[in-house]
């Protein structure tokens, strides 16, 4: 079967109703538009967005206040000052941070921020580390390893 051989099912298409062709045709005189009023006029009728006097939907949307991107990535943020109590050589991962009570959700990617100081060497294995945090961690003798974020069900 080819595109030009395809046909609609019987009854799926109808002939166009020819209105305004005399009273015998069944749709003469006012041609199904009633008498007078906005809908009877040529080009008349409310706009596509008209909602009976209510505030139209497109005017209710907060376009001027930005939007939330669909593919955004929400990180769990941890500052270095939160890692001060951690013992030397500790492996910092999303799961270990949940165990310490510093992060609520292990499925979210973790980012280490640079506020605070670290005095003990730590092994950090997270999704993101800021430049200042990396410098402080490596200065304390620790290592930083960036791991790929687990898919969050997006796309």
N, C-alpha and C. Protein backbone atom coordinates (compact mmCIF):
# COMPACT_ATOMS: atom_id res chain seq x y z
N UNK A 1 0.84 -1.19 0.00
CA UNK A 1 0.00 0.00 0.00
C UNK A 1 0.88 1.25 0.00
N UNK A 2 0.50 2.20 -0.84
CA UNK A 2 1.24 3.45 -0.94
C UNK A 2 0.38 4.59 -0.41
N UNK A 3 1.02 5.73 -0.14
CA UNK A 3 0.29 6.86 0.41
C UNK A 3 -0.87 7.27 -0.48
N UNK A 4 -0.67 7.27 -1.80
CA UNK A 4 -1.74 7.74 -2.69
C UNK A 4 -2.87 6.72 -2.83
N UNK A 5 -2.68 5.51 -2.31
CA UNK A 5 -3.72 4.50 -2.36
C UNK A 5 -4.59 4.47 -1.10
N UNK A 6 -4.17 5.22 -0.07
CA UNK A 6 -4.90 5.20 1.19
C UNK A 6 -6.21 5.98 1.09
N UNK A 7 -7.26 5.46 1.74
CA UNK A 7 -8.56 6.10 1.73
C UNK A 7 -9.11 6.14 3.15
N UNK A 8 -9.94 7.15 3.43
CA UNK A 8 -10.59 7.25 4.74
C UNK A 8 -11.66 6.18 4.86
N UNK A 9 -12.02 5.86 6.09
CA UNK A 9 -13.09 4.90 6.30
C UNK A 9 -14.42 5.53 5.86
N UNK A 10 -15.37 4.72 5.45
CA UNK A 10 -16.67 5.27 5.05
C UNK A 10 -17.32 6.01 6.22
N UNK A 11 -17.81 7.22 5.97
CA UNK A 11 -18.44 8.03 7.00
C UNK A 11 -17.48 8.92 7.75
N UNK A 12 -16.17 8.80 7.49
CA UNK A 12 -15.20 9.62 8.21
C UNK A 12 -15.15 11.03 7.64
N UNK A 13 -15.50 11.20 6.37
CA UNK A 13 -15.49 12.54 5.77
C UNK A 13 -16.90 12.91 5.34
N UNK A 14 -17.21 14.18 5.38
CA UNK A 14 -18.53 14.69 5.00
C UNK A 14 -18.34 15.81 3.99
N UNK A 15 -19.35 15.99 3.18
CA UNK A 15 -19.31 17.12 2.25
C UNK A 15 -19.53 18.40 3.04
N UNK A 16 -18.95 19.49 2.56
CA UNK A 16 -19.11 20.78 3.22
C UNK A 16 -20.55 21.25 3.09
N UNK A 17 -21.11 21.79 4.18
CA UNK A 17 -22.48 22.30 4.16
C UNK A 17 -22.47 23.67 3.51
N UNK A 18 -23.23 23.82 2.42
CA UNK A 18 -23.29 25.10 1.71
C UNK A 18 -24.39 25.93 2.35
N UNK A 19 -23.99 26.95 3.10
CA UNK A 19 -24.96 27.76 3.84
C UNK A 19 -25.24 29.06 3.08
N UNK A 20 -26.40 29.64 3.39
CA UNK A 20 -26.76 30.92 2.77
C UNK A 20 -27.15 30.80 1.31
N UNK A 21 -27.77 29.67 0.92
CA UNK A 21 -28.14 29.46 -0.48
C UNK A 21 -29.66 29.34 -0.64
N UNK A 22 -30.39 30.05 0.20
CA UNK A 22 -31.85 30.03 0.08
C UNK A 22 -32.50 29.15 1.12
N UNK A 23 -33.76 29.42 1.39
CA UNK A 23 -34.48 28.72 2.46
C UNK A 23 -34.69 27.26 2.14
N UNK A 24 -34.80 26.90 0.89
CA UNK A 24 -35.04 25.50 0.52
C UNK A 24 -33.84 24.63 0.87
N UNK A 25 -32.67 25.22 0.93
CA UNK A 25 -31.46 24.44 1.21
C UNK A 25 -31.35 24.06 2.68
N UNK A 26 -32.18 24.64 3.53
CA UNK A 26 -32.17 24.29 4.95
C UNK A 26 -31.24 25.14 5.80
N UNK A 27 -30.33 25.83 5.16
CA UNK A 27 -29.43 26.73 5.91
C UNK A 27 -29.40 28.10 5.23
N UNK A 28 -30.58 28.57 4.84
CA UNK A 28 -30.66 29.86 4.16
C UNK A 28 -30.76 31.01 5.13
N UNK A 29 -31.05 32.18 4.63
CA UNK A 29 -31.23 33.42 5.40
C UNK A 29 -30.06 33.68 6.33
N UNK A 30 -30.15 33.32 7.61
CA UNK A 30 -29.07 33.66 8.54
C UNK A 30 -27.93 32.65 8.50
N UNK A 31 -28.07 31.57 7.76
CA UNK A 31 -27.02 30.58 7.54
C UNK A 31 -26.50 29.97 8.84
N UNK A 32 -27.40 29.70 9.77
CA UNK A 32 -27.03 29.01 11.00
C UNK A 32 -26.32 29.88 12.02
N UNK A 33 -26.31 31.21 11.78
CA UNK A 33 -25.63 32.11 12.71
C UNK A 33 -26.58 32.78 13.69
N UNK A 34 -27.84 32.46 13.66
CA UNK A 34 -28.80 33.12 14.53
C UNK A 34 -29.08 34.51 14.02
N UNK A 35 -29.69 35.37 14.84
CA UNK A 35 -29.99 36.73 14.40
C UNK A 35 -29.21 37.72 15.24
N UNK A 36 -28.54 38.60 14.58
CA UNK A 36 -27.77 39.70 15.18
C UNK A 36 -26.74 39.19 16.19
N UNK A 37 -26.01 40.09 16.73
CA UNK A 37 -25.04 39.77 17.76
C UNK A 37 -23.65 39.54 17.21
N UNK A 38 -22.73 39.37 18.12
CA UNK A 38 -21.32 39.26 17.78
C UNK A 38 -21.03 38.08 16.86
N UNK A 39 -21.68 36.93 17.12
CA UNK A 39 -21.42 35.75 16.32
C UNK A 39 -22.03 35.80 14.93
N UNK A 40 -22.99 36.71 14.73
CA UNK A 40 -23.65 36.80 13.43
C UNK A 40 -22.85 37.66 12.45
N UNK A 41 -21.94 38.47 12.96
CA UNK A 41 -21.21 39.39 12.10
C UNK A 41 -20.06 38.69 11.40
N UNK A 42 -19.69 39.26 10.27
CA UNK A 42 -18.55 38.70 9.54
C UNK A 42 -17.27 39.01 10.32
N UNK A 43 -16.46 37.98 10.56
CA UNK A 43 -15.24 38.18 11.34
C UNK A 43 -15.54 38.35 12.82
N UNK A 44 -16.80 38.20 13.20
CA UNK A 44 -17.18 38.40 14.58
C UNK A 44 -16.84 37.20 15.44
N UNK A 45 -17.14 37.31 16.70
CA UNK A 45 -16.84 36.22 17.64
C UNK A 45 -15.61 36.57 18.46
N UNK A 46 -15.54 36.01 19.65
CA UNK A 46 -14.41 36.31 20.51
C UNK A 46 -13.12 35.72 19.95
N UNK A 47 -12.01 36.19 20.48
CA UNK A 47 -10.72 35.68 20.04
C UNK A 47 -10.54 34.25 20.56
N UNK A 48 -9.53 33.59 20.08
CA UNK A 48 -9.26 32.21 20.46
C UNK A 48 -9.02 32.11 21.96
N UNK A 49 -8.44 33.15 22.57
CA UNK A 49 -8.06 33.11 23.98
C UNK A 49 -9.15 33.62 24.92
N UNK A 50 -10.29 34.02 24.37
CA UNK A 50 -11.35 34.58 25.20
C UNK A 50 -11.95 33.49 26.09
N UNK A 51 -12.14 33.81 27.37
CA UNK A 51 -12.68 32.82 28.31
C UNK A 51 -13.87 33.40 29.05
N UNK A 52 -14.79 33.98 28.30
CA UNK A 52 -16.03 34.45 28.89
C UNK A 52 -15.86 35.57 29.88
N UNK A 53 -14.86 36.38 29.72
CA UNK A 53 -14.64 37.50 30.63
C UNK A 53 -13.67 37.18 31.76
N UNK A 54 -13.35 35.90 31.95
CA UNK A 54 -12.34 35.55 32.96
C UNK A 54 -10.98 36.02 32.47
N UNK A 55 -10.03 36.07 33.38
CA UNK A 55 -8.67 36.42 32.98
C UNK A 55 -8.14 35.29 32.12
N UNK A 56 -7.76 35.57 30.87
CA UNK A 56 -7.32 34.50 29.98
C UNK A 56 -6.13 33.73 30.53
N UNK A 57 -6.07 32.48 30.16
CA UNK A 57 -5.04 31.57 30.66
C UNK A 57 -3.64 32.12 30.40
N UNK A 58 -3.39 32.63 29.20
CA UNK A 58 -2.04 33.08 28.87
C UNK A 58 -1.65 34.31 29.66
N UNK A 59 -2.62 35.05 30.20
CA UNK A 59 -2.27 36.19 31.04
C UNK A 59 -2.08 35.77 32.49
N UNK A 60 -2.53 34.58 32.85
CA UNK A 60 -2.34 34.09 34.21
C UNK A 60 -0.95 33.46 34.39
N UNK A 61 -0.27 33.15 33.30
CA UNK A 61 1.02 32.48 33.40
C UNK A 61 2.11 33.47 33.80
N UNK A 62 3.04 33.07 34.63
CA UNK A 62 4.08 33.99 35.12
C UNK A 62 5.27 34.10 34.18
N UNK A 63 5.03 34.51 32.92
CA UNK A 63 6.11 34.58 31.95
C UNK A 63 7.20 35.56 32.35
N UNK A 64 6.82 36.62 33.04
CA UNK A 64 7.82 37.66 33.34
C UNK A 64 8.71 37.29 34.52
N UNK A 65 8.44 36.16 35.16
CA UNK A 65 9.22 35.80 36.33
C UNK A 65 10.04 34.54 36.10
N UNK A 66 10.40 34.30 34.87
CA UNK A 66 11.28 33.18 34.57
C UNK A 66 10.55 31.86 34.51
N UNK A 67 11.28 30.80 34.36
CA UNK A 67 10.72 29.48 34.26
C UNK A 67 11.72 28.48 34.82
N UNK A 68 11.29 27.26 35.02
CA UNK A 68 12.16 26.20 35.53
C UNK A 68 12.51 25.27 34.39
N UNK A 69 13.77 25.16 34.03
CA UNK A 69 14.13 24.27 32.92
C UNK A 69 13.79 22.82 33.25
N UNK A 70 13.32 22.09 32.25
CA UNK A 70 12.92 20.70 32.48
C UNK A 70 14.11 19.80 32.78
N UNK A 71 15.27 20.10 32.19
CA UNK A 71 16.44 19.25 32.38
C UNK A 71 17.38 19.74 33.48
N UNK A 72 16.86 20.54 34.41
CA UNK A 72 17.74 21.07 35.45
C UNK A 72 18.23 19.92 36.35
N UNK A 73 19.39 20.12 36.94
CA UNK A 73 19.95 19.12 37.85
C UNK A 73 19.98 19.75 39.24
N UNK A 74 19.31 19.15 40.19
CA UNK A 74 19.31 19.65 41.56
C UNK A 74 20.40 18.93 42.33
N UNK A 75 21.33 19.70 42.86
CA UNK A 75 22.45 19.14 43.61
C UNK A 75 22.19 19.22 45.10
N UNK A 76 22.76 18.29 45.84
CA UNK A 76 22.84 18.40 47.30
C UNK A 76 24.15 19.12 47.59
N UNK A 77 24.07 20.27 48.22
CA UNK A 77 25.26 21.09 48.44
C UNK A 77 25.83 20.85 49.83
N UNK A 78 27.15 20.67 49.87
CA UNK A 78 27.85 20.47 51.14
C UNK A 78 29.04 21.41 51.15
N UNK A 79 29.19 22.19 52.21
CA UNK A 79 30.36 23.04 52.36
C UNK A 79 31.45 22.27 53.10
N UNK A 80 32.69 22.68 52.90
CA UNK A 80 33.82 22.00 53.55
C UNK A 80 33.71 22.06 55.07
N UNK A 81 33.11 23.14 55.59
CA UNK A 81 33.01 23.26 57.05
C UNK A 81 32.18 22.14 57.66
N UNK A 82 31.28 21.53 56.86
CA UNK A 82 30.47 20.41 57.36
C UNK A 82 31.30 19.14 57.47
N UNK A 83 32.45 19.09 56.79
CA UNK A 83 33.30 17.89 56.79
C UNK A 83 34.44 17.96 57.81
N UNK A 84 34.43 18.95 58.70
CA UNK A 84 35.51 19.12 59.67
C UNK A 84 35.57 17.99 60.69
N UNK A 85 34.43 17.42 61.05
CA UNK A 85 34.38 16.39 62.09
C UNK A 85 34.68 14.98 61.54
N UNK A 86 34.87 14.88 60.23
CA UNK A 86 35.07 13.58 59.59
C UNK A 86 36.49 13.09 59.87
N UNK A 87 36.69 11.79 60.16
CA UNK A 87 38.03 11.28 60.46
C UNK A 87 38.94 11.29 59.22
N UNK A 88 40.23 11.22 59.46
CA UNK A 88 41.22 11.25 58.39
C UNK A 88 41.08 10.03 57.48
N UNK A 89 41.21 10.25 56.16
CA UNK A 89 41.14 9.17 55.19
C UNK A 89 39.73 8.70 54.88
N UNK A 90 38.72 9.40 55.38
CA UNK A 90 37.32 9.03 55.19
C UNK A 90 36.95 9.16 53.71
N UNK A 91 36.19 8.21 53.17
CA UNK A 91 35.73 8.27 51.79
C UNK A 91 34.40 9.02 51.76
N UNK A 92 34.41 10.19 51.12
CA UNK A 92 33.21 11.04 51.06
C UNK A 92 32.46 10.72 49.77
N UNK A 93 31.29 10.07 49.90
CA UNK A 93 30.40 9.81 48.77
C UNK A 93 28.99 10.25 49.16
N UNK A 94 28.07 10.20 48.21
CA UNK A 94 26.69 10.58 48.51
C UNK A 94 26.12 9.66 49.60
N UNK A 95 26.43 8.36 49.51
CA UNK A 95 25.90 7.41 50.49
C UNK A 95 26.48 7.64 51.89
N UNK A 96 27.80 7.93 51.95
CA UNK A 96 28.41 8.16 53.26
C UNK A 96 27.90 9.46 53.88
N UNK A 97 27.59 10.46 53.03
CA UNK A 97 27.05 11.73 53.55
C UNK A 97 25.63 11.53 54.08
N UNK A 98 24.87 10.62 53.48
CA UNK A 98 23.54 10.30 54.00
C UNK A 98 23.68 9.63 55.36
N UNK A 99 24.68 8.75 55.47
CA UNK A 99 24.93 8.07 56.75
C UNK A 99 25.31 9.04 57.85
N UNK A 100 26.02 10.12 57.49
CA UNK A 100 26.40 11.13 58.48
C UNK A 100 25.27 12.12 58.78
N UNK A 101 24.21 12.07 57.98
CA UNK A 101 23.09 12.99 58.17
C UNK A 101 23.32 14.35 57.53
N UNK A 102 24.31 14.47 56.65
CA UNK A 102 24.58 15.75 56.00
C UNK A 102 23.78 15.92 54.72
N UNK A 103 23.33 14.82 54.13
CA UNK A 103 22.54 14.85 52.91
C UNK A 103 21.32 13.98 53.13
N UNK A 104 20.16 14.41 52.61
CA UNK A 104 18.93 13.65 52.81
C UNK A 104 18.72 12.59 51.75
N UNK A 105 19.08 12.90 50.49
CA UNK A 105 18.75 12.01 49.38
C UNK A 105 20.02 11.60 48.65
N UNK A 106 20.34 10.31 48.67
CA UNK A 106 21.56 9.82 48.04
C UNK A 106 21.44 9.77 46.52
N UNK A 107 20.21 9.85 45.99
CA UNK A 107 20.04 9.78 44.54
C UNK A 107 20.38 11.11 43.87
N UNK A 108 20.36 12.20 44.63
CA UNK A 108 20.74 13.50 44.05
C UNK A 108 22.25 13.59 43.94
N UNK A 109 22.76 14.22 42.86
CA UNK A 109 24.20 14.41 42.78
C UNK A 109 24.68 15.39 43.85
N UNK A 110 25.91 15.22 44.29
CA UNK A 110 26.47 16.03 45.38
C UNK A 110 27.50 16.99 44.82
N UNK A 111 27.48 18.23 45.32
CA UNK A 111 28.51 19.21 44.97
C UNK A 111 29.16 19.68 46.27
N UNK A 112 30.49 19.71 46.29
CA UNK A 112 31.24 20.19 47.46
C UNK A 112 31.61 21.65 47.20
N UNK A 113 31.21 22.52 48.13
CA UNK A 113 31.49 23.95 48.02
C UNK A 113 32.66 24.32 48.93
N UNK A 114 33.28 25.46 48.66
CA UNK A 114 34.55 25.79 49.29
C UNK A 114 34.51 26.57 50.58
N UNK A 115 33.36 26.78 51.21
CA UNK A 115 33.33 27.55 52.45
C UNK A 115 33.82 26.69 53.61
N UNK A 116 34.76 27.21 54.35
CA UNK A 116 35.32 26.48 55.48
C UNK A 116 36.70 25.93 55.16
N UNK A 117 37.30 25.24 56.14
CA UNK A 117 38.65 24.68 55.98
C UNK A 117 38.62 23.18 56.27
N UNK A 118 39.56 22.47 55.69
CA UNK A 118 39.71 21.04 55.95
C UNK A 118 41.12 20.82 56.47
N UNK A 119 41.25 20.11 57.59
CA UNK A 119 42.57 19.92 58.18
C UNK A 119 43.08 18.49 58.02
N UNK A 120 42.17 17.55 57.68
CA UNK A 120 42.56 16.15 57.53
C UNK A 120 42.41 15.74 56.07
N UNK A 121 43.26 14.79 55.61
CA UNK A 121 43.12 14.34 54.22
C UNK A 121 41.87 13.49 54.05
N UNK A 122 41.09 13.79 53.02
CA UNK A 122 39.86 13.06 52.73
C UNK A 122 39.88 12.55 51.30
N UNK A 123 39.23 11.41 51.08
CA UNK A 123 39.03 10.90 49.72
C UNK A 123 37.62 11.29 49.32
N UNK A 124 37.53 12.17 48.35
CA UNK A 124 36.22 12.68 47.92
C UNK A 124 35.87 12.08 46.57
N UNK A 125 34.70 11.45 46.51
CA UNK A 125 34.21 10.86 45.25
C UNK A 125 32.76 11.31 45.06
N UNK A 126 32.59 12.48 44.44
CA UNK A 126 31.26 13.06 44.24
C UNK A 126 31.12 13.54 42.79
N UNK A 127 29.94 14.12 42.47
CA UNK A 127 29.64 14.52 41.10
C UNK A 127 30.25 15.87 40.71
N UNK A 128 30.42 16.76 41.69
CA UNK A 128 30.99 18.08 41.38
C UNK A 128 31.75 18.60 42.58
N UNK A 129 32.84 19.34 42.30
CA UNK A 129 33.61 20.01 43.35
C UNK A 129 34.01 21.38 42.79
N UNK A 130 33.81 22.43 43.57
CA UNK A 130 34.22 23.75 43.10
C UNK A 130 35.74 23.84 43.12
N UNK A 131 36.27 24.81 42.38
CA UNK A 131 37.72 24.96 42.27
C UNK A 131 38.35 25.26 43.63
N UNK A 132 37.71 26.13 44.42
CA UNK A 132 38.27 26.48 45.72
C UNK A 132 38.23 25.28 46.68
N UNK A 133 37.17 24.48 46.61
CA UNK A 133 37.07 23.30 47.47
C UNK A 133 38.13 22.27 47.07
N UNK A 134 38.34 22.08 45.78
CA UNK A 134 39.35 21.14 45.31
C UNK A 134 40.74 21.55 45.79
N UNK A 135 41.04 22.86 45.70
CA UNK A 135 42.35 23.35 46.14
C UNK A 135 42.56 23.10 47.63
N UNK A 136 41.53 23.33 48.44
CA UNK A 136 41.65 23.14 49.88
C UNK A 136 41.77 21.66 50.24
N UNK A 137 41.02 20.80 49.54
CA UNK A 137 41.09 19.37 49.82
C UNK A 137 42.45 18.80 49.46
N UNK A 138 42.98 19.21 48.30
CA UNK A 138 44.28 18.70 47.86
C UNK A 138 45.42 19.27 48.70
N UNK A 139 45.24 20.51 49.20
CA UNK A 139 46.26 21.11 50.07
C UNK A 139 46.34 20.37 51.40
N UNK A 140 45.21 19.80 51.83
CA UNK A 140 45.19 19.05 53.09
C UNK A 140 45.69 17.61 52.89
N UNK A 141 46.02 17.25 51.65
CA UNK A 141 46.54 15.92 51.38
C UNK A 141 45.49 14.93 50.90
N UNK A 142 44.30 15.42 50.60
CA UNK A 142 43.23 14.54 50.16
C UNK A 142 43.20 14.37 48.65
N UNK A 143 42.32 13.51 48.17
CA UNK A 143 42.16 13.30 46.74
C UNK A 143 40.73 13.60 46.34
N UNK A 144 40.56 14.06 45.10
CA UNK A 144 39.24 14.40 44.58
C UNK A 144 39.01 13.59 43.31
N UNK A 145 37.89 12.86 43.28
CA UNK A 145 37.53 12.11 42.09
C UNK A 145 36.10 12.48 41.71
N UNK A 146 35.93 12.87 40.45
CA UNK A 146 34.61 13.24 39.95
C UNK A 146 33.97 11.99 39.32
N UNK A 147 32.74 11.67 39.76
CA UNK A 147 32.03 10.52 39.21
C UNK A 147 30.84 11.04 38.40
N UNK A 148 30.43 10.26 37.41
CA UNK A 148 29.32 10.65 36.58
C UNK A 148 28.03 10.59 37.39
N UNK A 149 27.16 11.58 37.22
CA UNK A 149 25.89 11.55 37.98
C UNK A 149 24.99 10.42 37.50
N UNK A 150 24.32 9.78 38.44
CA UNK A 150 23.37 8.72 38.08
C UNK A 150 22.19 9.38 37.38
N UNK A 151 21.59 8.70 36.40
CA UNK A 151 20.49 9.31 35.66
C UNK A 151 19.33 9.52 36.60
N UNK A 152 18.68 10.69 36.46
CA UNK A 152 17.60 11.04 37.36
C UNK A 152 16.25 10.84 36.71
N UNK A 153 16.17 9.94 35.74
CA UNK A 153 14.89 9.70 35.09
C UNK A 153 14.52 10.76 34.06
N UNK A 154 15.45 11.63 33.72
CA UNK A 154 15.19 12.66 32.73
C UNK A 154 15.58 12.15 31.36
N UNK A 155 14.75 12.34 30.42
CA UNK A 155 14.98 11.98 29.01
C UNK A 155 15.46 10.57 28.85
